[in-house]
Amino acid sequence: MKSMKKEEINKEIGETFKKYRLRSKLTQESIAESLGISAKYISRIENGTGGVKLETLVNYINILGISPNVIFDKLIVNESLIPQLELSKKASLLSEENINLLNSIADLLK
């Protein structure tokens, strides 16, 4: 199994955060204010030049409403996890009503 370097991880997480921040039409400054950190730190995270603390990662995910699987999508290389990631990506595109339906179906399949 391929091991990822810190720089690769930082780059992928930063790119994902930037993409979702822009989709949400939020500025680096507004995210920084919500997180209680500097806009400069947000810039470093998004450019992949600075790592992100676990607390910041979790709060960033919550602010942007991103599924953790989306954040780690390109970082997970374990083949047995790929189908779960694919399902999660597809589910993230569904309406809330369809997500509830999918959850009901999953409950039946258990």
Protein backbone atom coordinates (compact mmCIF):
# COMPACT_ATOMS: atom_id res chain seq x y z
CA MET A 1 0.00 0.00 0.00
CA LYS A 2 1.31 3.43 -0.96
CA SER A 3 2.26 5.69 1.91
CA MET A 4 1.49 9.38 1.45
CA LYS A 5 3.83 12.16 2.36
CA LYS A 6 2.75 15.11 4.51
CA GLU A 7 3.17 17.52 1.59
CA GLU A 8 0.82 15.45 -0.62
CA ILE A 9 -1.77 15.28 2.14
CA ASN A 10 -1.59 19.02 2.82
CA LYS A 11 -1.96 19.79 -0.90
CA GLU A 12 -5.02 17.57 -1.38
CA ILE A 13 -6.80 18.80 1.74
CA GLY A 14 -6.03 22.41 0.86
CA GLU A 15 -7.35 22.07 -2.68
CA THR A 16 -10.56 20.48 -1.43
CA PHE A 17 -11.12 23.19 1.17
CA LYS A 18 -10.54 25.91 -1.41
CA LYS A 19 -12.92 24.30 -3.91
CA TYR A 20 -15.73 24.02 -1.36
CA ARG A 21 -15.08 27.47 0.10
CA LEU A 22 -15.40 29.01 -3.36
CA ARG A 23 -18.55 26.97 -4.07
CA SER A 24 -20.01 28.37 -0.87
CA LYS A 25 -19.00 31.89 -1.98
CA LEU A 26 -17.05 32.44 1.24
CA THR A 27 -13.85 34.44 1.59
CA GLN A 28 -10.72 33.28 3.34
CA GLU A 29 -11.34 36.09 5.80
CA SER A 30 -14.85 34.90 6.68
CA ILE A 31 -13.64 31.33 7.19
CA ALA A 32 -10.72 32.57 9.29
CA GLU A 33 -13.06 34.63 11.45
CA SER A 34 -15.40 31.65 11.97
CA LEU A 35 -12.45 29.45 12.90
CA GLY A 36 -10.76 32.05 15.07
CA ILE A 37 -7.54 31.90 13.06
CA SER A 38 -5.78 34.23 10.63
CA ALA A 39 -6.63 34.54 6.94
CA LYS A 40 -2.91 33.98 6.31
CA TYR A 41 -3.22 30.53 7.92
CA ILE A 42 -6.25 29.76 5.71
CA SER A 43 -4.19 30.76 2.68
CA ARG A 44 -1.37 28.42 3.71
CA ILE A 45 -3.84 25.56 4.26
CA GLU A 46 -5.48 26.07 0.88
CA ASN A 47 -2.13 26.34 -0.90
CA GLY A 48 -0.89 23.17 0.78
CA THR A 49 2.10 24.95 2.32
CA GLY A 50 0.85 24.60 5.87
CA GLY A 51 -0.62 21.67 7.71
CA VAL A 52 -3.99 21.82 9.37
CA LYS A 53 -4.53 21.02 13.03
CA LEU A 54 -7.14 18.38 13.78
CA GLU A 55 -9.38 20.89 15.58
CA THR A 56 -9.22 23.26 12.60
CA LEU A 57 -9.86 20.39 10.18
CA VAL A 58 -13.03 19.33 11.99
CA ASN A 59 -14.34 22.88 12.35
CA TYR A 60 -13.53 23.68 8.70
CA ILE A 61 -15.47 20.57 7.60
CA ASN A 62 -18.44 21.66 9.71
CA ILE A 63 -18.42 25.25 8.44
CA LEU A 64 -18.32 24.18 4.80
CA GLY A 65 -20.66 21.21 5.32
CA ILE A 66 -18.26 18.77 3.70
CA SER A 67 -18.43 15.04 4.29
CA PRO A 68 -15.16 13.75 5.77
CA ASN A 69 -15.05 11.19 2.96
CA VAL A 70 -14.90 14.03 0.45
CA ILE A 71 -11.92 15.56 2.26
CA PHE A 72 -10.01 12.29 2.33
CA ASP A 73 -11.21 10.96 -1.04
CA LYS A 74 -7.91 11.27 -2.93
CA LEU A 75 -5.88 10.32 0.13
CA ILE A 76 -7.39 6.89 0.74
CA VAL A 77 -5.57 4.22 -1.25
CA ASN A 78 -6.75 1.10 0.59
CA GLU A 79 -8.64 -0.80 -2.15
CA SER A 80 -11.21 -2.22 0.27
CA LEU A 81 -12.32 1.33 1.20
CA ILE A 82 -12.77 2.59 -2.38
CA PRO A 83 -16.36 1.28 -2.84
CA GLN A 84 -17.42 2.98 0.41
CA LEU A 85 -15.85 6.24 -0.74
CA GLU A 86 -17.60 6.00 -4.11
CA LEU A 87 -20.95 5.46 -2.40
CA SER A 88 -20.30 8.39 -0.09
CA LYS A 89 -19.43 10.67 -3.03
CA LYS A 90 -22.64 9.70 -4.82
CA ALA A 91 -24.68 10.22 -1.65
CA SER A 92 -23.21 13.70 -1.19
CA LEU A 93 -24.85 14.74 -4.45
CA LEU A 94 -28.34 13.66 -3.38
CA SER A 95 -31.12 15.76 -1.94
CA GLU A 96 -31.86 15.43 1.76
CA GLU A 97 -35.01 13.47 0.92
CA ASN A 98 -33.05 10.98 -1.20
CA ILE A 99 -30.34 10.67 1.44
CA ASN A 100 -33.04 9.68 3.94
CA LEU A 101 -34.35 7.14 1.42
CA LEU A 102 -30.85 5.77 0.88
CA ASN A 103 -30.40 5.45 4.67
CA SER A 104 -33.66 3.49 4.86
CA ILE A 105 -32.49 1.17 2.10
CA ALA A 106 -29.15 0.68 3.86
CA ASP A 107 -31.01 -0.18 7.09
CA LEU A 108 -32.97 -2.83 5.21
CA LEU A 109 -29.79 -4.29 3.71
CA LYS A 110 -28.06 -4.62 7.10
